[in-house]
Amino acid sequence: MELLAVVVDTETTGFTKPEVIEMAWVELAERTFERIDHIKCEKYKPEGPIELGAIATHHILPSDLALCPPYTQDELPASQYMIGHNVDFDWDVLGKPKVKRICTLAMSRAIWPELDSHKLTSMFYHIHGLNPLTRDVVRNAHSALHDVAMTCQIFNYITEKVGLTSFEEVWAFSERARIPTHMTFGKYKGSPIKDVDKGYVSWYRKQPDPDPYLLMAFTRAGK
């Protein structure tokens, strides 16, 4: 049976107890990394309120969801791999399904460390150029459907550039890329891992939900 991967993006109620209110997804076949079908997109009615900051980002109003069903974890098709730009966020809010995660954000950071931004729209501009056509596509960002379409293109660009030909190769590359060489947040943002103070590392290790890849980076640096 051919291996399958699902490219997914979600929009949520916000960062405090996030619930899925929109999800888009499409399956890719390993043989060509091409879409098996068209991108699907559904909206869901949450139990809790939508944070104002979230509405300002995705522009989904509570009234848009009044007649929508609630999200259930069987909505996403079964697959061996999940692909996303900052895939851990989607994986977490979707109930942490048993899949191998492939992160186009981490791979972008590893391939183009010189860029000042690696967010989805930044990468789309980077690979397609600073022109009006690219801008017209990017203006639809933070719609789950358009974000999945952009993620697919970034995924295909990366696999061609690096020469990856199977999902397992892509996953292995993603896993290596997810171990950071520089801090991406906090007081040491932008600093090489080797330059982070050991006191900060000790504090971070005691946090309730530390990033396991950052912990691996600290260990590799002898922190």
C-alpha atoms as a PDB file:
ATOM      1  CA  MET A   1       0.000   0.000   0.000  1.00  0.00           C
ATOM      2  CA  GLU A   2       1.346   3.427  -0.953  1.00  0.00           C
ATOM      3  CA  LEU A   3       2.306   5.665   1.943  1.00  0.00           C
ATOM      4  CA  LEU A   4       0.166   8.761   2.421  1.00  0.00           C
ATOM      5  CA  ALA A   5       0.745  12.106   4.059  1.00  0.00           C
ATOM      6  CA  VAL A   6      -1.803  14.739   4.966  1.00  0.00           C
ATOM      7  CA  VAL A   7      -1.029  18.447   4.687  1.00  0.00           C
ATOM      8  CA  VAL A   8      -3.117  20.245   7.281  1.00  0.00           C
ATOM      9  CA  ASP A   9      -3.806  23.716   8.642  1.00  0.00           C
ATOM     10  CA  THR A  10      -6.167  24.828  11.364  1.00  0.00           C
ATOM     11  CA  GLU A  11      -7.669  28.062  12.574  1.00  0.00           C
ATOM     12  CA  THR A  12      -8.598  28.090  16.240  1.00  0.00           C
ATOM     13  CA  THR A  13     -10.322  29.990  19.020  1.00  0.00           C
ATOM     14  CA  GLY A  14      -6.967  31.340  20.214  1.00  0.00           C
ATOM     15  CA  PHE A  15      -4.084  30.360  22.459  1.00  0.00           C
ATOM     16  CA  THR A  16      -6.055  29.775  25.678  1.00  0.00           C
ATOM     17  CA  LYS A  17      -7.583  26.286  25.445  1.00  0.00           C
ATOM     18  CA  PRO A  18      -7.622  26.398  21.637  1.00  0.00           C
ATOM     19  CA  GLU A  19     -10.418  24.660  19.771  1.00  0.00           C
ATOM     20  CA  VAL A  20     -10.523  23.961  16.035  1.00  0.00           C
ATOM     21  CA  ILE A  21     -12.989  26.211  14.212  1.00  0.00           C
ATOM     22  CA  GLU A  22     -11.654  25.676  10.676  1.00  0.00           C
ATOM     23  CA  MET A  23      -9.548  22.907   9.201  1.00  0.00           C
ATOM     24  CA  ALA A  24      -8.254  22.342   5.688  1.00  0.00           C
ATOM     25  CA  TRP A  25      -6.404  19.271   4.521  1.00  0.00           C
ATOM     26  CA  VAL A  26      -5.253  17.404   1.461  1.00  0.00           C
ATOM     27  CA  GLU A  27      -3.590  14.016   1.031  1.00  0.00           C
ATOM     28  CA  LEU A  28      -0.331  13.550  -0.852  1.00  0.00           C
ATOM     29  CA  ALA A  29       0.846  10.335  -2.486  1.00  0.00           C
ATOM     30  CA  GLU A  30       4.472   9.351  -1.963  1.00  0.00           C
ATOM     31  CA  ARG A  31       5.194   8.380  -5.558  1.00  0.00           C
ATOM     32  CA  THR A  32       5.003  11.965  -6.846  1.00  0.00           C
ATOM     33  CA  PHE A  33       4.247  14.079  -3.738  1.00  0.00           C
ATOM     34  CA  GLU A  34       1.174  15.215  -5.681  1.00  0.00           C
ATOM     35  CA  ARG A  35      -2.282  15.813  -4.262  1.00  0.00           C
ATOM     36  CA  ILE A  36      -4.615  12.823  -4.394  1.00  0.00           C
ATOM     37  CA  ASP A  37      -7.714  15.024  -4.404  1.00  0.00           C
ATOM     38  CA  HIS A  38      -8.715  18.665  -4.066  1.00  0.00           C
ATOM     39  CA  ILE A  39      -8.179  20.511  -0.792  1.00  0.00           C
ATOM     40  CA  LYS A  40     -11.034  20.021   1.660  1.00  0.00           C
ATOM     41  CA  CYS A  41     -12.060  22.667   4.173  1.00  0.00           C
ATOM     42  CA  GLU A  42     -14.626  22.580   6.975  1.00  0.00           C
ATOM     43  CA  LYS A  43     -15.734  24.917   9.756  1.00  0.00           C
ATOM     44  CA  TYR A  44     -16.704  23.833  13.288  1.00  0.00           C
ATOM     45  CA  LYS A  45     -18.635  25.342  16.169  1.00  0.00           C
ATOM     46  CA  PRO A  46     -16.516  25.563  19.345  1.00  0.00           C
ATOM     47  CA  GLU A  47     -17.712  25.121  22.907  1.00  0.00           C
ATOM     48  CA  GLY A  48     -15.913  28.228  24.175  1.00  0.00           C
ATOM     49  CA  PRO A  49     -15.554  31.805  22.929  1.00  0.00           C
ATOM     50  CA  ILE A  50     -13.213  32.937  20.158  1.00  0.00           C
ATOM     51  CA  GLU A  51     -10.499  35.299  21.363  1.00  0.00           C
ATOM     52  CA  LEU A  52     -10.485  38.767  19.843  1.00  0.00           C
ATOM     53  CA  GLY A  53      -6.872  38.380  18.743  1.00  0.00           C
ATOM     54  CA  ALA A  54      -7.754  35.171  16.898  1.00  0.00           C
ATOM     55  CA  ILE A  55     -10.667  36.854  15.115  1.00  0.00           C
ATOM     56  CA  ALA A  56      -8.364  39.702  14.071  1.00  0.00           C
ATOM     57  CA  THR A  57      -6.066  37.087  12.490  1.00  0.00           C
ATOM     58  CA  HIS A  58      -8.455  34.727  10.675  1.00  0.00           C
ATOM     59  CA  HIS A  59     -11.613  36.893  10.543  1.00  0.00           C
ATOM     60  CA  ILE A  60     -13.913  34.009  11.453  1.00  0.00           C
ATOM     61  CA  LEU A  61     -16.848  35.348  13.474  1.00  0.00           C
ATOM     62  CA  PRO A  62     -18.954  33.357  15.958  1.00  0.00           C
ATOM     63  CA  SER A  63     -21.963  33.965  13.712  1.00  0.00           C
ATOM     64  CA  ASP A  64     -20.152  32.168  10.866  1.00  0.00           C
ATOM     65  CA  LEU A  65     -20.137  28.990  12.972  1.00  0.00           C
ATOM     66  CA  ALA A  66     -23.635  29.025  14.443  1.00  0.00           C
ATOM     67  CA  LEU A  67     -24.908  26.163  12.267  1.00  0.00           C
ATOM     68  CA  CYS A  68     -21.630  24.233  12.017  1.00  0.00           C
ATOM     69  CA  PRO A  69     -21.039  20.874  13.745  1.00  0.00           C
ATOM     70  CA  PRO A  70     -18.463  20.534  16.546  1.00  0.00           C
ATOM     71  CA  TYR A  71     -15.025  19.214  15.634  1.00  0.00           C
ATOM     72  CA  THR A  72     -14.394  15.524  16.275  1.00  0.00           C
ATOM     73  CA  GLN A  73     -11.030  13.789  16.056  1.00  0.00           C
ATOM     74  CA  ASP A  74     -12.161  11.421  13.303  1.00  0.00           C
ATOM     75  CA  GLU A  75     -12.484  14.291  10.804  1.00  0.00           C
ATOM     76  CA  LEU A  76      -8.880  13.963   9.597  1.00  0.00           C
ATOM     77  CA  PRO A  77      -8.147  11.073   7.203  1.00  0.00           C
ATOM     78  CA  ALA A  78      -5.802   8.340   8.418  1.00  0.00           C
ATOM     79  CA  SER A  79      -2.227   8.745   7.229  1.00  0.00           C
ATOM     80  CA  GLN A  80       1.322   7.922   8.272  1.00  0.00           C
ATOM     81  CA  TYR A  81       2.658  11.497   8.090  1.00  0.00           C
ATOM     82  CA  MET A  82       1.323  14.957   8.928  1.00  0.00           C
ATOM     83  CA  ILE A  83       2.789  17.990   7.168  1.00  0.00           C
ATOM     84  CA  GLY A  84       2.358  21.551   8.358  1.00  0.00           C
ATOM     85  CA  HIS A  85       4.060  24.906   8.781  1.00  0.00           C
ATOM     86  CA  ASN A  86       4.682  24.808  12.532  1.00  0.00           C
ATOM     87  CA  VAL A  87       3.062  21.383  12.457  1.00  0.00           C
ATOM     88  CA  ASP A  88       3.187  20.868  16.225  1.00  0.00           C
ATOM     89  CA  PHE A  89       0.474  23.486  16.788  1.00  0.00           C
ATOM     90  CA  ASP A  90      -1.951  21.745  14.439  1.00  0.00           C
ATOM     91  CA  TRP A  91      -0.984  18.288  15.714  1.00  0.00           C
ATOM     92  CA  ASP A  92      -1.626  19.357  19.290  1.00  0.00           C
ATOM     93  CA  VAL A  93      -4.988  21.024  18.685  1.00  0.00           C
ATOM     94  CA  LEU A  94      -6.121  18.053  16.559  1.00  0.00           C
ATOM     95  CA  GLY A  95      -5.654  15.686  19.487  1.00  0.00           C
ATOM     96  CA  LYS A  96      -2.060  14.504  18.912  1.00  0.00           C
ATOM     97  CA  PRO A  97      -2.782  11.750  16.356  1.00  0.00           C
ATOM     98  CA  LYS A  98      -0.241   8.940  15.968  1.00  0.00           C
ATOM     99  CA  VAL A  99       1.643  10.207  12.916  1.00  0.00           C
ATOM    100  CA  LYS A 100       5.160  11.260  12.016  1.00  0.00           C
ATOM    101  CA  ARG A 101       5.253  15.053  11.865  1.00  0.00           C
ATOM    102  CA  ILE A 102       6.993  16.945   9.040  1.00  0.00           C
ATOM    103  CA  CYS A 103       7.537  20.644   9.706  1.00  0.00           C
ATOM    104  CA  THR A 104       8.048  22.948   6.720  1.00  0.00           C
ATOM    105  CA  LEU A 105       8.821  25.813   9.132  1.00  0.00           C
ATOM    106  CA  ALA A 106      11.769  23.942  10.661  1.00  0.00           C
ATOM    107  CA  MET A 107      13.038  22.865   7.238  1.00  0.00           C
ATOM    108  CA  SER A 108      12.785  26.447   5.964  1.00  0.00           C
ATOM    109  CA  ARG A 109      14.828  27.708   8.912  1.00  0.00           C
ATOM    110  CA  ALA A 110      17.478  25.060   8.269  1.00  0.00           C
ATOM    111  CA  ILE A 111      17.760  25.723   4.521  1.00  0.00           C
ATOM    112  CA  TRP A 112      17.564  29.528   4.602  1.00  0.00           C
ATOM    113  CA  PRO A 113      18.985  30.618   7.987  1.00  0.00           C
ATOM    114  CA  GLU A 114      19.836  34.040   6.569  1.00  0.00           C
ATOM    115  CA  LEU A 115      16.187  35.087   6.138  1.00  0.00           C
ATOM    116  CA  ASP A 116      14.753  37.427   8.762  1.00  0.00           C
ATOM    117  CA  SER A 117      11.392  35.617   8.724  1.00  0.00           C
ATOM    118  CA  HIS A 118      10.333  32.051   7.993  1.00  0.00           C
ATOM    119  CA  LYS A 119       6.596  32.316   8.534  1.00  0.00           C
ATOM    120  CA  LEU A 120       4.363  30.847   5.855  1.00  0.00           C
ATOM    121  CA  THR A 121       3.739  34.050   3.912  1.00  0.00           C
ATOM    122  CA  SER A 122       7.407  35.034   4.085  1.00  0.00           C
ATOM    123  CA  MET A 123       8.458  31.712   2.599  1.00  0.00           C
ATOM    124  CA  PHE A 124       5.848  32.005  -0.135  1.00  0.00           C
ATOM    125  CA  TYR A 125       7.271  35.398  -1.114  1.00  0.00           C
ATOM    126  CA  HIS A 126      10.784  33.932  -0.965  1.00  0.00           C
ATOM    127  CA  ILE A 127      10.116  31.062  -3.358  1.00  0.00           C
ATOM    128  CA  HIS A 128       7.768  32.921  -5.738  1.00  0.00           C
ATOM    129  CA  GLY A 129       9.290  36.401  -5.724  1.00  0.00           C
ATOM    130  CA  LEU A 130       8.238  39.887  -4.671  1.00  0.00           C
ATOM    131  CA  ASN A 131       5.588  40.535  -7.296  1.00  0.00           C
ATOM    132  CA  PRO A 132       1.873  41.402  -7.490  1.00  0.00           C
ATOM    133  CA  LEU A 133       0.819  37.818  -8.293  1.00  0.00           C
ATOM    134  CA  THR A 134       2.490  36.484  -5.146  1.00  0.00           C
ATOM    135  CA  ARG A 135       0.966  39.311  -3.121  1.00  0.00           C
ATOM    136  CA  ASP A 136      -2.527  38.425  -4.352  1.00  0.00           C
ATOM    137  CA  VAL A 137      -2.084  34.854  -3.070  1.00  0.00           C
ATOM    138  CA  VAL A 138      -0.539  35.897   0.244  1.00  0.00           C
ATOM    139  CA  ARG A 139      -3.403  38.283   0.990  1.00  0.00           C
ATOM    140  CA  ASN A 140      -5.580  35.231   1.644  1.00  0.00           C
ATOM    141  CA  ALA A 141      -3.260  33.953   4.394  1.00  0.00           C
ATOM    142  CA  HIS A 142      -4.841  32.741   7.647  1.00  0.00           C
ATOM    143  CA  SER A 143      -7.565  31.018   5.716  1.00  0.00           C
ATOM    144  CA  ALA A 144      -6.941  27.332   6.377  1.00  0.00           C
ATOM    145  CA  LEU A 145      -7.631  26.434   2.750  1.00  0.00           C
ATOM    146  CA  HIS A 146      -5.149  28.935   1.323  1.00  0.00           C
ATOM    147  CA  ASP A 147      -2.568  28.106   3.987  1.00  0.00           C
ATOM    148  CA  VAL A 148      -2.682  24.420   3.002  1.00  0.00           C
ATOM    149  CA  ALA A 149      -2.236  25.346  -0.648  1.00  0.00           C
ATOM    150  CA  MET A 150       0.813  27.491   0.210  1.00  0.00           C
ATOM    151  CA  THR A 151       2.245  24.784   2.485  1.00  0.00           C
ATOM    152  CA  CYS A 152       1.982  22.235  -0.342  1.00  0.00           C
ATOM    153  CA  GLN A 153       3.981  24.494  -2.637  1.00  0.00           C
ATOM    154  CA  ILE A 154       6.645  25.160  -0.009  1.00  0.00           C
ATOM    155  CA  PHE A 155       6.854  21.419   0.742  1.00  0.00           C
ATOM    156  CA  ASN A 156       7.337  20.585  -2.948  1.00  0.00           C
ATOM    157  CA  TYR A 157       9.928  23.336  -3.370  1.00  0.00           C
ATOM    158  CA  ILE A 158      11.935  22.052  -0.401  1.00  0.00           C
ATOM    159  CA  THR A 159      11.835  18.400  -1.475  1.00  0.00           C
ATOM    160  CA  GLU A 160      13.041  19.309  -4.967  1.00  0.00           C
ATOM    161  CA  LYS A 161      15.775  21.624  -3.669  1.00  0.00           C
ATOM    162  CA  VAL A 162      17.137  19.090  -1.169  1.00  0.00           C
ATOM    163  CA  GLY A 163      16.554  16.049  -3.399  1.00  0.00           C
ATOM    164  CA  LEU A 164      14.188  14.145  -1.119  1.00  0.00           C
ATOM    165  CA  THR A 165      12.172  11.379  -2.762  1.00  0.00           C
ATOM    166  CA  SER A 166      10.199   9.672   0.018  1.00  0.00           C
ATOM    167  CA  PHE A 167       8.181  10.763   3.026  1.00  0.00           C
ATOM    168  CA  GLU A 168      10.605   8.915   5.298  1.00  0.00           C
ATOM    169  CA  GLU A 169      13.517  10.917   3.868  1.00  0.00           C
ATOM    170  CA  VAL A 170      11.569  14.139   4.316  1.00  0.00           C
ATOM    171  CA  TRP A 171      10.634  13.208   7.890  1.00  0.00           C
ATOM    172  CA  ALA A 172      14.277  12.415   8.745  1.00  0.00           C
ATOM    173  CA  PHE A 173      15.391  15.757   7.277  1.00  0.00           C
ATOM    174  CA  SER A 174      12.630  17.546   9.186  1.00  0.00           C
ATOM    175  CA  GLU A 175      13.679  15.866  12.439  1.00  0.00           C
ATOM    176  CA  ARG A 176      17.268  17.065  11.979  1.00  0.00           C
ATOM    177  CA  ALA A 177      16.054  20.539  11.042  1.00  0.00           C
ATOM    178  CA  ARG A 178      13.902  20.774  14.148  1.00  0.00           C
ATOM    179  CA  ILE A 179      16.957  20.760  16.414  1.00  0.00           C
ATOM    180  CA  PRO A 180      17.702  24.517  16.435  1.00  0.00           C
ATOM    181  CA  THR A 181      21.114  26.113  16.109  1.00  0.00           C
ATOM    182  CA  HIS A 182      19.827  29.500  17.320  1.00  0.00           C
ATOM    183  CA  MET A 183      17.196  30.567  19.832  1.00  0.00           C
ATOM    184  CA  THR A 184      13.881  31.532  18.238  1.00  0.00           C
ATOM    185  CA  PHE A 185      12.233  33.205  21.253  1.00  0.00           C
ATOM    186  CA  GLY A 186      12.826  34.874  24.610  1.00  0.00           C
ATOM    187  CA  LYS A 187      15.700  37.017  25.849  1.00  0.00           C
ATOM    188  CA  TYR A 188      18.215  35.068  23.757  1.00  0.00           C
ATOM    189  CA  LYS A 189      16.239  35.183  20.489  1.00  0.00           C
ATOM    190  CA  GLY A 190      18.668  35.086  17.566  1.00  0.00           C
ATOM    191  CA  SER A 191      21.599  33.944  19.705  1.00  0.00           C
ATOM    192  CA  PRO A 192      23.493  30.723  18.904  1.00  0.00           C
ATOM    193  CA  ILE A 193      22.512  27.874  21.209  1.00  0.00           C
ATOM    194  CA  LYS A 194      26.124  27.614  22.388  1.00  0.00           C
ATOM    195  CA  ASP A 195      25.958  31.211  23.710  1.00  0.00           C
ATOM    196  CA  VAL A 196      22.868  30.744  25.882  1.00  0.00           C
ATOM    197  CA  ASP A 197      23.641  31.135  29.583  1.00  0.00           C
ATOM    198  CA  LYS A 198      23.570  27.874  31.543  1.00  0.00           C
ATOM    199  CA  GLY A 199      21.364  29.495  34.168  1.00  0.00           C
ATOM    200  CA  TYR A 200      18.712  30.149  31.523  1.00  0.00           C
ATOM    201  CA  VAL A 201      19.057  26.575  30.259  1.00  0.00           C
ATOM    202  CA  SER A 202      18.599  25.236  33.785  1.00  0.00           C
ATOM    203  CA  TRP A 203      15.478  27.374  34.214  1.00  0.00           C
ATOM    204  CA  TYR A 204      14.067  26.281  30.857  1.00  0.00           C
ATOM    205  CA  ARG A 205      14.563  22.583  31.618  1.00  0.00           C
ATOM    206  CA  LYS A 206      12.308  22.993  34.662  1.00  0.00           C
ATOM    207  CA  GLN A 207       9.397  24.428  32.672  1.00  0.00           C
ATOM    208  CA  PRO A 208       6.214  22.283  32.480  1.00  0.00           C
ATOM    209  CA  ASP A 209       6.263  21.709  28.703  1.00  0.00           C
ATOM    210  CA  PRO A 210       9.750  22.360  27.276  1.00  0.00           C
ATOM    211  CA  ASP A 211      10.425  21.885  23.567  1.00  0.00           C
ATOM    212  CA  PRO A 212      12.149  18.468  23.276  1.00  0.00           C
ATOM    213  CA  TYR A 213      14.094  19.605  20.208  1.00  0.00           C
ATOM    214  CA  LEU A 214      15.445  22.638  22.032  1.00  0.00           C
ATOM    215  CA  LEU A 215      16.451  20.361  24.913  1.00  0.00           C
ATOM    216  CA  MET A 216      18.356  18.190  22.423  1.00  0.00           C
ATOM    217  CA  ALA A 217      20.093  21.312  21.113  1.00  0.00           C
ATOM    218  CA  PHE A 218      21.120  22.327  24.643  1.00  0.00           C
ATOM    219  CA  THR A 219      22.453  18.816  25.298  1.00  0.00           C
ATOM    220  CA  ARG A 220      24.444  18.820  22.059  1.00  0.00           C
ATOM    221  CA  ALA A 221      25.953  22.172  23.063  1.00  0.00           C
ATOM    222  CA  GLY A 222      26.987  20.751  26.424  1.00  0.00           C
ATOM    223  CA  LYS A 223      24.498  22.874  28.356  1.00  0.00           C
END
